[in-house]
Amino acid sequence: MGDVNQQLGQIRGRIDQALSAVEGDKSASPVLTAVVREFSVKAEKASRTAAAGAERDAVVELEQAGDSAKAAAEADTGAGEASRKAVLDAHLAICKLKASL
């Protein structure tokens, strides 16, 4: 699990991209925006948790936030395709990391 911190950093980049996409999407709902913001906050926390040696806990918690973001993106019929794809890509990235643990 030595490269978990590095992978979390890459995933955090994807989450930041998703947040930028959603925040820039005038059609995205406030709920989607709030959930993706929380996903971003959890990514920051996950980095600290993993750095403290609890990599698995960090990944599991971040995946749960990703699950919420994915559900919100799929439910938001007003969100643009680019926003939806960015959120789904970020979710998939954390799922892949969890599966590799």
PDB file of N, CA and C in Angstrom:
ATOM      1  N   MET A   1       0.820  -1.197   0.000  1.00  0.00           N
ATOM      2  CA  MET A   1       0.000   0.000   0.000  1.00  0.00           C
ATOM      3  C   MET A   1       0.862   1.258   0.000  1.00  0.00           C
ATOM      4  N   GLY A   2       2.125   1.133  -0.298  1.00  0.00           N
ATOM      5  CA  GLY A   2       3.018   2.263  -0.247  1.00  0.00           C
ATOM      6  C   GLY A   2       2.644   3.412  -1.159  1.00  0.00           C
ATOM      7  N   ASP A   3       2.024   3.133  -2.278  1.00  0.00           N
ATOM      8  CA  ASP A   3       1.693   4.213  -3.204  1.00  0.00           C
ATOM      9  C   ASP A   3       0.252   4.687  -3.057  1.00  0.00           C
ATOM     10  N   VAL A   4      -0.413   4.326  -1.987  1.00  0.00           N
ATOM     11  CA  VAL A   4      -1.791   4.757  -1.762  1.00  0.00           C
ATOM     12  C   VAL A   4      -1.858   6.280  -1.657  1.00  0.00           C
ATOM     13  N   ASN A   5      -0.891   6.873  -0.964  1.00  0.00           N
ATOM     14  CA  ASN A   5      -0.892   8.328  -0.838  1.00  0.00           C
ATOM     15  C   ASN A   5      -0.775   8.999  -2.203  1.00  0.00           C
ATOM     16  N   GLN A   6       0.084   8.466  -3.041  1.00  0.00           N
ATOM     17  CA  GLN A   6       0.249   9.023  -4.381  1.00  0.00           C
ATOM     18  C   GLN A   6      -1.042   8.863  -5.186  1.00  0.00           C
ATOM     19  N   GLN A   7      -1.649   7.700  -5.111  1.00  0.00           N
ATOM     20  CA  GLN A   7      -2.897   7.470  -5.837  1.00  0.00           C
ATOM     21  C   GLN A   7      -4.021   8.361  -5.315  1.00  0.00           C
ATOM     22  N   LEU A   8      -4.067   8.554  -4.010  1.00  0.00           N
ATOM     23  CA  LEU A   8      -5.069   9.455  -3.444  1.00  0.00           C
ATOM     24  C   LEU A   8      -4.870  10.881  -3.965  1.00  0.00           C
ATOM     25  N   GLY A   9      -3.624  11.275  -4.135  1.00  0.00           N
ATOM     26  CA  GLY A   9      -3.340  12.591  -4.698  1.00  0.00           C
ATOM     27  C   GLY A   9      -3.872  12.728  -6.116  1.00  0.00           C
ATOM     28  N   GLN A  10      -3.700  11.689  -6.913  1.00  0.00           N
ATOM     29  CA  GLN A  10      -4.220  11.698  -8.282  1.00  0.00           C
ATOM     30  C   GLN A  10      -5.741  11.722  -8.287  1.00  0.00           C
ATOM     31  N   ILE A  11      -6.332  10.954  -7.401  1.00  0.00           N
ATOM     32  CA  ILE A  11      -7.795  10.913  -7.303  1.00  0.00           C
ATOM     33  C   ILE A  11      -8.318  12.264  -6.830  1.00  0.00           C
ATOM     34  N   ARG A  12      -7.603  12.867  -5.912  1.00  0.00           N
ATOM     35  CA  ARG A  12      -8.015  14.193  -5.445  1.00  0.00           C
ATOM     36  C   ARG A  12      -8.032  15.182  -6.605  1.00  0.00           C
ATOM     37  N   GLY A  13      -7.081  15.044  -7.519  1.00  0.00           N
ATOM     38  CA  GLY A  13      -7.075  15.881  -8.718  1.00  0.00           C
ATOM     39  C   GLY A  13      -8.327  15.675  -9.560  1.00  0.00           C
ATOM     40  N   ARG A  14      -8.753  14.433  -9.690  1.00  0.00           N
ATOM     41  CA  ARG A  14      -9.987  14.139 -10.436  1.00  0.00           C
ATOM     42  C   ARG A  14     -11.207  14.722  -9.731  1.00  0.00           C
ATOM     43  N   ILE A  15     -11.201  14.619  -8.416  1.00  0.00           N
ATOM     44  CA  ILE A  15     -12.323  15.165  -7.640  1.00  0.00           C
ATOM     45  C   ILE A  15     -12.357  16.682  -7.788  1.00  0.00           C
ATOM     46  N   ASP A  16     -11.198  17.316  -7.756  1.00  0.00           N
ATOM     47  CA  ASP A  16     -11.136  18.767  -7.946  1.00  0.00           C
ATOM     48  C   ASP A  16     -11.647  19.156  -9.334  1.00  0.00           C
ATOM     49  N   GLN A  17     -11.317  18.356 -10.336  1.00  0.00           N
ATOM     50  CA  GLN A  17     -11.830  18.607 -11.689  1.00  0.00           C
ATOM     51  C   GLN A  17     -13.346  18.477 -11.717  1.00  0.00           C
ATOM     52  N   ALA A  18     -13.855  17.464 -11.027  1.00  0.00           N
ATOM     53  CA  ALA A  18     -15.310  17.268 -10.967  1.00  0.00           C
ATOM     54  C   ALA A  18     -15.974  18.453 -10.271  1.00  0.00           C
ATOM     55  N   LEU A  19     -15.379  18.910  -9.191  1.00  0.00           N
ATOM     56  CA  LEU A  19     -15.941  20.051  -8.473  1.00  0.00           C
ATOM     57  C   LEU A  19     -15.943  21.295  -9.356  1.00  0.00           C
ATOM     58  N   SER A  20     -14.861  21.526 -10.062  1.00  0.00           N
ATOM     59  CA  SER A  20     -14.805  22.680 -10.973  1.00  0.00           C
ATOM     60  C   SER A  20     -15.872  22.573 -12.055  1.00  0.00           C
ATOM     61  N   ALA A  21     -16.043  21.370 -12.600  1.00  0.00           N
ATOM     62  CA  ALA A  21     -17.047  21.170 -13.644  1.00  0.00           C
ATOM     63  C   ALA A  21     -18.446  21.438 -13.115  1.00  0.00           C
ATOM     64  N   VAL A  22     -18.746  20.914 -11.943  1.00  0.00           N
ATOM     65  CA  VAL A  22     -20.082  21.078 -11.359  1.00  0.00           C
ATOM     66  C   VAL A  22     -20.331  22.533 -10.979  1.00  0.00           C
ATOM     67  N   GLU A  23     -19.324  23.161 -10.360  1.00  0.00           N
ATOM     68  CA  GLU A  23     -19.489  24.563  -9.972  1.00  0.00           C
ATOM     69  C   GLU A  23     -19.656  25.474 -11.183  1.00  0.00           C
ATOM     70  N   GLY A  24     -19.073  25.097 -12.303  1.00  0.00           N
ATOM     71  CA  GLY A  24     -19.200  25.880 -13.525  1.00  0.00           C
ATOM     72  C   GLY A  24     -20.430  25.556 -14.348  1.00  0.00           C
ATOM     73  N   ASP A  25     -21.157  24.549 -13.939  1.00  0.00           N
ATOM     74  CA  ASP A  25     -22.344  24.087 -14.669  1.00  0.00           C
ATOM     75  C   ASP A  25     -23.571  24.812 -14.127  1.00  0.00           C
ATOM     76  N   LYS A  26     -24.048  25.760 -14.862  1.00  0.00           N
ATOM     77  CA  LYS A  26     -25.209  26.557 -14.414  1.00  0.00           C
ATOM     78  C   LYS A  26     -26.473  25.713 -14.270  1.00  0.00           C
ATOM     79  N   SER A  27     -26.488  24.541 -14.888  1.00  0.00           N
ATOM     80  CA  SER A  27     -27.663  23.669 -14.827  1.00  0.00           C
ATOM     81  C   SER A  27     -27.602  22.663 -13.686  1.00  0.00           C
ATOM     82  N   ALA A  28     -26.443  22.537 -13.068  1.00  0.00           N
ATOM     83  CA  ALA A  28     -26.297  21.577 -11.966  1.00  0.00           C
ATOM     84  C   ALA A  28     -27.074  22.074 -10.747  1.00  0.00           C
ATOM     85  N   SER A  29     -27.675  21.155 -10.051  1.00  0.00           N
ATOM     86  CA  SER A  29     -28.472  21.514  -8.876  1.00  0.00           C
ATOM     87  C   SER A  29     -27.568  21.893  -7.705  1.00  0.00           C
ATOM     88  N   PRO A  30     -28.087  22.681  -6.789  1.00  0.00           N
ATOM     89  CA  PRO A  30     -27.328  22.998  -5.571  1.00  0.00           C
ATOM     90  C   PRO A  30     -27.002  21.743  -4.760  1.00  0.00           C
ATOM     91  N   VAL A  31     -27.858  20.760  -4.823  1.00  0.00           N
ATOM     92  CA  VAL A  31     -27.614  19.513  -4.090  1.00  0.00           C
ATOM     93  C   VAL A  31     -26.385  18.807  -4.657  1.00  0.00           C
ATOM     94  N   LEU A  32     -26.317  18.687  -5.979  1.00  0.00           N
ATOM     95  CA  LEU A  32     -25.155  18.049  -6.599  1.00  0.00           C
ATOM     96  C   LEU A  32     -23.884  18.808  -6.234  1.00  0.00           C
ATOM     97  N   THR A  33     -23.945  20.115  -6.318  1.00  0.00           N
ATOM     98  CA  THR A  33     -22.778  20.928  -5.996  1.00  0.00           C
ATOM     99  C   THR A  33     -22.331  20.688  -4.551  1.00  0.00           C
ATOM    100  N   ALA A  34     -23.270  20.655  -3.632  1.00  0.00           N
ATOM    101  CA  ALA A  34     -22.935  20.433  -2.221  1.00  0.00           C
ATOM    102  C   ALA A  34     -22.332  19.048  -1.996  1.00  0.00           C
ATOM    103  N   VAL A  35     -22.881  18.050  -2.643  1.00  0.00           N
ATOM    104  CA  VAL A  35     -22.385  16.681  -2.453  1.00  0.00           C
ATOM    105  C   VAL A  35     -20.970  16.541  -3.027  1.00  0.00           C
ATOM    106  N   VAL A  36     -20.718  17.151  -4.165  1.00  0.00           N
ATOM    107  CA  VAL A  36     -19.381  17.072  -4.760  1.00  0.00           C
ATOM    108  C   VAL A  36     -18.389  17.895  -3.929  1.00  0.00           C
ATOM    109  N   ARG A  37     -18.833  18.997  -3.361  1.00  0.00           N
ATOM    110  CA  ARG A  37     -17.957  19.749  -2.442  1.00  0.00           C
ATOM    111  C   ARG A  37     -17.565  18.879  -1.251  1.00  0.00           C
ATOM    112  N   GLU A  38     -18.523  18.148  -0.718  1.00  0.00           N
ATOM    113  CA  GLU A  38     -18.239  17.253   0.411  1.00  0.00           C
ATOM    114  C   GLU A  38     -17.270  16.143  -0.016  1.00  0.00           C
ATOM    115  N   PHE A  39     -17.412  15.647  -1.233  1.00  0.00           N
ATOM    116  CA  PHE A  39     -16.496  14.652  -1.786  1.00  0.00           C
ATOM    117  C   PHE A  39     -15.076  15.235  -1.787  1.00  0.00           C
ATOM    118  N   SER A  40     -14.953  16.490  -2.161  1.00  0.00           N
ATOM    119  CA  SER A  40     -13.659  17.161  -2.181  1.00  0.00           C
ATOM    120  C   SER A  40     -13.086  17.305  -0.771  1.00  0.00           C
ATOM    121  N   VAL A  41     -13.923  17.675   0.176  1.00  0.00           N
ATOM    122  CA  VAL A  41     -13.487  17.796   1.577  1.00  0.00           C
ATOM    123  C   VAL A  41     -13.007  16.437   2.090  1.00  0.00           C
ATOM    124  N   LYS A  42     -13.746  15.390   1.749  1.00  0.00           N
ATOM    125  CA  LYS A  42     -13.362  14.038   2.186  1.00  0.00           C
ATOM    126  C   LYS A  42     -12.045  13.616   1.555  1.00  0.00           C
ATOM    127  N   ALA A  43     -11.781  14.070   0.336  1.00  0.00           N
ATOM    128  CA  ALA A  43     -10.509  13.736  -0.319  1.00  0.00           C
ATOM    129  C   ALA A  43      -9.338  14.349   0.437  1.00  0.00           C
ATOM    130  N   GLU A  44      -9.510  15.574   0.885  1.00  0.00           N
ATOM    131  CA  GLU A  44      -8.468  16.225   1.673  1.00  0.00           C
ATOM    132  C   GLU A  44      -8.252  15.471   2.982  1.00  0.00           C
ATOM    133  N   LYS A  45      -9.342  15.099   3.631  1.00  0.00           N
ATOM    134  CA  LYS A  45      -9.255  14.353   4.887  1.00  0.00           C
ATOM    135  C   LYS A  45      -8.615  12.983   4.654  1.00  0.00           C
ATOM    136  N   ALA A  46      -8.962  12.333   3.540  1.00  0.00           N
ATOM    137  CA  ALA A  46      -8.413  11.015   3.235  1.00  0.00           C
ATOM    138  C   ALA A  46      -6.898  11.078   3.083  1.00  0.00           C
ATOM    139  N   SER A  47      -6.412  12.146   2.485  1.00  0.00           N
ATOM    140  CA  SER A  47      -4.961  12.299   2.332  1.00  0.00           C
ATOM    141  C   SER A  47      -4.278  12.365   3.697  1.00  0.00           C
ATOM    142  N   ARG A  48      -4.866  13.113   4.605  1.00  0.00           N
ATOM    143  CA  ARG A  48      -4.289  13.215   5.962  1.00  0.00           C
ATOM    144  C   ARG A  48      -4.376  11.876   6.690  1.00  0.00           C
ATOM    145  N   THR A  49      -5.506  11.198   6.563  1.00  0.00           N
ATOM    146  CA  THR A  49      -5.706   9.912   7.234  1.00  0.00           C
ATOM    147  C   THR A  49      -4.714   8.880   6.716  1.00  0.00           C
ATOM    148  N   ALA A  50      -4.537   8.843   5.393  1.00  0.00           N
ATOM    149  CA  ALA A  50      -3.598   7.891   4.797  1.00  0.00           C
ATOM    150  C   ALA A  50      -2.171   8.204   5.220  1.00  0.00           C
ATOM    151  N   ALA A  51      -1.831   9.476   5.283  1.00  0.00           N
ATOM    152  CA  ALA A  51      -0.491   9.871   5.701  1.00  0.00           C
ATOM    153  C   ALA A  51      -0.209   9.455   7.144  1.00  0.00           C
ATOM    154  N   ALA A  52      -1.266   9.337   7.936  1.00  0.00           N
ATOM    155  CA  ALA A  52      -1.124   8.907   9.332  1.00  0.00           C
ATOM    156  C   ALA A  52      -1.060   7.391   9.459  1.00  0.00           C
ATOM    157  N   GLY A  53      -1.109   6.688   8.326  1.00  0.00           N
ATOM    158  CA  GLY A  53      -0.962   5.237   8.337  1.00  0.00           C
ATOM    159  C   GLY A  53      -2.245   4.442   8.235  1.00  0.00           C
ATOM    160  N   ALA A  54      -3.362   5.103   8.089  1.00  0.00           N
ATOM    161  CA  ALA A  54      -4.648   4.393   8.002  1.00  0.00           C
ATOM    162  C   ALA A  54      -5.172   4.451   6.564  1.00  0.00           C
ATOM    163  N   GLU A  55      -4.388   3.888   5.634  1.00  0.00           N
ATOM    164  CA  GLU A  55      -4.723   3.980   4.218  1.00  0.00           C
ATOM    165  C   GLU A  55      -6.089   3.369   3.891  1.00  0.00           C
ATOM    166  N   ARG A  56      -6.331   2.185   4.394  1.00  0.00           N
ATOM    167  CA  ARG A  56      -7.593   1.507   4.065  1.00  0.00           C
ATOM    168  C   ARG A  56      -8.796   2.308   4.561  1.00  0.00           C
ATOM    169  N   ASP A  57      -8.720   2.799   5.783  1.00  0.00           N
ATOM    170  CA  ASP A  57      -9.814   3.610   6.327  1.00  0.00           C
ATOM    171  C   ASP A  57     -10.054   4.843   5.456  1.00  0.00           C
ATOM    172  N   ALA A  58      -8.969   5.468   5.024  1.00  0.00           N
ATOM    173  CA  ALA A  58      -9.079   6.662   4.184  1.00  0.00           C
ATOM    174  C   ALA A  58      -9.785   6.350   2.871  1.00  0.00           C
ATOM    175  N   VAL A  59      -9.410   5.244   2.262  1.00  0.00           N
ATOM    176  CA  VAL A  59      -9.989   4.870   0.972  1.00  0.00           C
ATOM    177  C   VAL A  59     -11.460   4.507   1.123  1.00  0.00           C
ATOM    178  N   VAL A  60     -11.796   3.769   2.158  1.00  0.00           N
ATOM    179  CA  VAL A  60     -13.187   3.363   2.372  1.00  0.00           C
ATOM    180  C   VAL A  60     -14.074   4.585   2.603  1.00  0.00           C
ATOM    181  N   GLU A  61     -13.613   5.509   3.432  1.00  0.00           N
ATOM    182  CA  GLU A  61     -14.403   6.709   3.698  1.00  0.00           C
ATOM    183  C   GLU A  61     -14.564   7.559   2.435  1.00  0.00           C
ATOM    184  N   LEU A  62     -13.501   7.672   1.655  1.00  0.00           N
ATOM    185  CA  LEU A  62     -13.590   8.455   0.425  1.00  0.00           C
ATOM    186  C   LEU A  62     -14.503   7.774  -0.589  1.00  0.00           C
ATOM    187  N   GLU A  63     -14.480   6.460  -0.621  1.00  0.00           N
ATOM    188  CA  GLU A  63     -15.375   5.765  -1.547  1.00  0.00           C
ATOM    189  C   GLU A  63     -16.842   6.017  -1.170  1.00  0.00           C
ATOM    190  N   GLN A  64     -17.136   6.048   0.099  1.00  0.00           N
ATOM    191  CA  GLN A  64     -18.510   6.323   0.527  1.00  0.00           C
ATOM    192  C   GLN A  64     -18.955   7.713   0.068  1.00  0.00           C
ATOM    193  N   ALA A  65     -18.081   8.692   0.185  1.00  0.00           N
ATOM    194  CA  ALA A  65     -18.407  10.034  -0.308  1.00  0.00           C
ATOM    195  C   ALA A  65     -18.564  10.016  -1.818  1.00  0.00           C
ATOM    196  N   GLY A  66     -17.745   9.218  -2.481  1.00  0.00           N
ATOM    197  CA  GLY A  66     -17.850   9.076  -3.934  1.00  0.00           C
ATOM    198  C   GLY A  66     -19.159   8.435  -4.356  1.00  0.00           C
ATOM    199  N   ASP A  67     -19.608   7.469  -3.575  1.00  0.00           N
ATOM    200  CA  ASP A  67     -20.900   6.833  -3.864  1.00  0.00           C
ATOM    201  C   ASP A  67     -22.031   7.861  -3.810  1.00  0.00           C
ATOM    202  N   SER A  68     -21.961   8.741  -2.832  1.00  0.00           N
ATOM    203  CA  SER A  68     -22.983   9.795  -2.705  1.00  0.00           C
ATOM    204  C   SER A  68     -22.910  10.753  -3.885  1.00  0.00           C
ATOM    205  N   ALA A  69     -21.703  11.123  -4.272  1.00  0.00           N
ATOM    206  CA  ALA A  69     -21.541  12.034  -5.410  1.00  0.00           C
ATOM    207  C   ALA A  69     -22.049  11.394  -6.697  1.00  0.00           C
ATOM    208  N   LYS A  70     -21.760  10.123  -6.873  1.00  0.00           N
ATOM    209  CA  LYS A  70     -22.232   9.406  -8.061  1.00  0.00           C
ATOM    210  C   LYS A  70     -23.756   9.391  -8.098  1.00  0.00           C
ATOM    211  N   ALA A  71     -24.370   9.061  -6.975  1.00  0.00           N
ATOM    212  CA  ALA A  71     -25.836   9.022  -6.914  1.00  0.00           C
ATOM    213  C   ALA A  71     -26.434  10.397  -7.203  1.00  0.00           C
ATOM    214  N   ALA A  72     -25.826  11.436  -6.669  1.00  0.00           N
ATOM    215  CA  ALA A  72     -26.329  12.798  -6.904  1.00  0.00           C
ATOM    216  C   ALA A  72     -26.183  13.175  -8.377  1.00  0.00           C
ATOM    217  N   ALA A  73     -25.058  12.813  -8.979  1.00  0.00           N
ATOM    218  CA  ALA A  73     -24.838  13.134 -10.395  1.00  0.00           C
ATOM    219  C   ALA A  73     -25.838  12.404 -11.288  1.00  0.00           C
ATOM    220  N   GLU A  74     -26.111  11.162 -10.951  1.00  0.00           N
ATOM    221  CA  GLU A  74     -27.064  10.388 -11.754  1.00  0.00           C
ATOM    222  C   GLU A  74     -28.492  10.885 -11.567  1.00  0.00           C
ATOM    223  N   ALA A  75     -28.797  11.421 -10.411  1.00  0.00           N
ATOM    224  CA  ALA A  75     -30.151  11.896 -10.124  1.00  0.00           C
ATOM    225  C   ALA A  75     -30.413  13.306 -10.654  1.00  0.00           C
ATOM    226  N   ASP A  76     -29.360  14.072 -10.869  1.00  0.00           N
ATOM    227  CA  ASP A  76     -29.517  15.464 -11.303  1.00  0.00           C
ATOM    228  C   ASP A  76     -29.741  15.509 -12.807  1.00  0.00           C
ATOM    229  N   THR A  77     -30.996  15.624 -13.203  1.00  0.00           N
ATOM    230  CA  THR A  77     -31.333  15.617 -14.632  1.00  0.00           C
ATOM    231  C   THR A  77     -30.938  16.912 -15.328  1.00  0.00           C
ATOM    232  N   GLY A  78     -30.631  17.956 -14.565  1.00  0.00           N
ATOM    233  CA  GLY A  78     -30.238  19.219 -15.173  1.00  0.00           C
ATOM    234  C   GLY A  78     -28.748  19.347 -15.409  1.00  0.00           C
ATOM    235  N   ALA A  79     -27.956  18.551 -14.738  1.00  0.00           N
ATOM    236  CA  ALA A  79     -26.502  18.662 -14.857  1.00  0.00           C
ATOM    237  C   ALA A  79     -26.059  18.307 -16.271  1.00  0.00           C
ATOM    238  N   GLY A  80     -25.051  19.013 -16.734  1.00  0.00           N
ATOM    239  CA  GLY A  80     -24.510  18.746 -18.053  1.00  0.00           C
ATOM    240  C   GLY A  80     -23.733  17.438 -18.096  1.00  0.00           C
ATOM    241  N   GLU A  81     -23.550  16.942 -19.296  1.00  0.00           N
ATOM    242  CA  GLU A  81     -22.846  15.672 -19.475  1.00  0.00           C
ATOM    243  C   GLU A  81     -21.400  15.754 -18.981  1.00  0.00           C
ATOM    244  N   ALA A  82     -20.740  16.878 -19.194  1.00  0.00           N
ATOM    245  CA  ALA A  82     -19.352  17.012 -18.741  1.00  0.00           C
ATOM    246  C   ALA A  82     -19.262  16.934 -17.218  1.00  0.00           C
ATOM    247  N   SER A  83     -20.216  17.543 -16.533  1.00  0.00           N
ATOM    248  CA  SER A  83     -20.236  17.489 -15.063  1.00  0.00           C
ATOM    249  C   SER A  83     -20.473  16.065 -14.587  1.00  0.00           C
ATOM    250  N   ARG A  84     -21.465  15.438 -15.172  1.00  0.00           N
ATOM    251  CA  ARG A  84     -21.800  14.064 -14.785  1.00  0.00           C
ATOM    252  C   ARG A  84     -20.604  13.139 -15.012  1.00  0.00           C
ATOM    253  N   LYS A  85     -19.969  13.255 -16.177  1.00  0.00           N
ATOM    254  CA  LYS A  85     -18.833  12.393 -16.497  1.00  0.00           C
ATOM    255  C   LYS A  85     -17.672  12.632 -15.533  1.00  0.00           C
ATOM    256  N   ALA A  86     -17.415  13.882 -15.196  1.00  0.00           N
ATOM    257  CA  ALA A  86     -16.308  14.184 -14.283  1.00  0.00           C
ATOM    258  C   ALA A  86     -16.544  13.550 -12.911  1.00  0.00           C
ATOM    259  N   VAL A  87     -17.773  13.623 -12.424  1.00  0.00           N
ATOM    260  CA  VAL A  87     -18.098  13.021 -11.124  1.00  0.00           C
ATOM    261  C   VAL A  87     -17.979  11.500 -11.207  1.00  0.00           C
ATOM    262  N   LEU A  88     -18.510  10.916 -12.277  1.00  0.00           N
ATOM    263  CA  LEU A  88     -18.447   9.460 -12.424  1.00  0.00           C
ATOM    264  C   LEU A  88     -17.009   8.978 -12.570  1.00  0.00           C
ATOM    265  N   ASP A  89     -16.180   9.750 -13.277  1.00  0.00           N
ATOM    266  CA  ASP A  89     -14.763   9.383 -13.412  1.00  0.00           C
ATOM    267  C   ASP A  89     -14.048   9.417 -12.067  1.00  0.00           C
ATOM    268  N   ALA A  90     -14.339  10.435 -11.261  1.00  0.00           N
ATOM    269  CA  ALA A  90     -13.724  10.522  -9.934  1.00  0.00           C
ATOM    270  C   ALA A  90     -14.176   9.355  -9.056  1.00  0.00           C
ATOM    271  N   HIS A  91     -15.452   9.014  -9.146  1.00  0.00           N
ATOM    272  CA  HIS A  91     -15.980   7.881  -8.379  1.00  0.00           C
ATOM    273  C   HIS A  91     -15.310   6.587  -8.812  1.00  0.00           C
ATOM    274  N   LEU A  92     -15.187   6.383 -10.099  1.00  0.00           N
ATOM    275  CA  LEU A  92     -14.567   5.167 -10.609  1.00  0.00           C
ATOM    276  C   LEU A  92     -13.120   5.060 -10.138  1.00  0.00           C
ATOM    277  N   ALA A  93     -12.417   6.175 -10.114  1.00  0.00           N
ATOM    278  CA  ALA A  93     -11.012   6.150  -9.682  1.00  0.00           C
ATOM    279  C   ALA A  93     -10.872   5.668  -8.251  1.00  0.00           C
ATOM    280  N   ILE A  94     -11.725   6.129  -7.358  1.00  0.00           N
ATOM    281  CA  ILE A  94     -11.627   5.690  -5.964  1.00  0.00           C
ATOM    282  C   ILE A  94     -12.061   4.232  -5.828  1.00  0.00           C
ATOM    283  N   CYS A  95     -13.033   3.826  -6.625  1.00  0.00           N
ATOM    284  CA  CYS A  95     -13.454   2.407  -6.596  1.00  0.00           C
ATOM    285  C   CYS A  95     -12.314   1.489  -7.039  1.00  0.00           C
ATOM    286  N   LYS A  96     -11.586   1.898  -8.058  1.00  0.00           N
ATOM    287  CA  LYS A  96     -10.465   1.092  -8.539  1.00  0.00           C
ATOM    288  C   LYS A  96      -9.375   0.987  -7.475  1.00  0.00           C
ATOM    289  N   LEU A  97      -9.120   2.097  -6.787  1.00  0.00           N
ATOM    290  CA  LEU A  97      -8.115   2.059  -5.728  1.00  0.00           C
ATOM    291  C   LEU A  97      -8.558   1.108  -4.613  1.00  0.00           C
ATOM    292  N   LYS A  98      -9.801   1.200  -4.234  1.00  0.00           N
ATOM    293  CA  LYS A  98     -10.287   0.317  -3.160  1.00  0.00           C
ATOM    294  C   LYS A  98     -10.175  -1.145  -3.580  1.00  0.00           C
ATOM    295  N   ALA A  99     -10.524  -1.431  -4.824  1.00  0.00           N
ATOM    296  CA  ALA A  99     -10.460  -2.813  -5.304  1.00  0.00           C
ATOM    297  C   ALA A  99      -9.019  -3.348  -5.308  1.00  0.00           C
ATOM    298  N   SER A 100      -8.052  -2.459  -5.431  1.00  0.00           N
ATOM    299  CA  SER A 100      -6.660  -2.898  -5.486  1.00  0.00           C
ATOM    300  C   SER A 100      -6.061  -3.151  -4.089  1.00  0.00           C
ATOM    301  N   LEU A 101      -6.776  -2.745  -3.051  1.00  0.00           N
ATOM    302  CA  LEU A 101      -6.236  -2.912  -1.693  1.00  0.00           C
ATOM    303  C   LEU A 101      -6.351  -4.344  -1.216  1.00  0.00           C
TER     304      LEU A 101
END
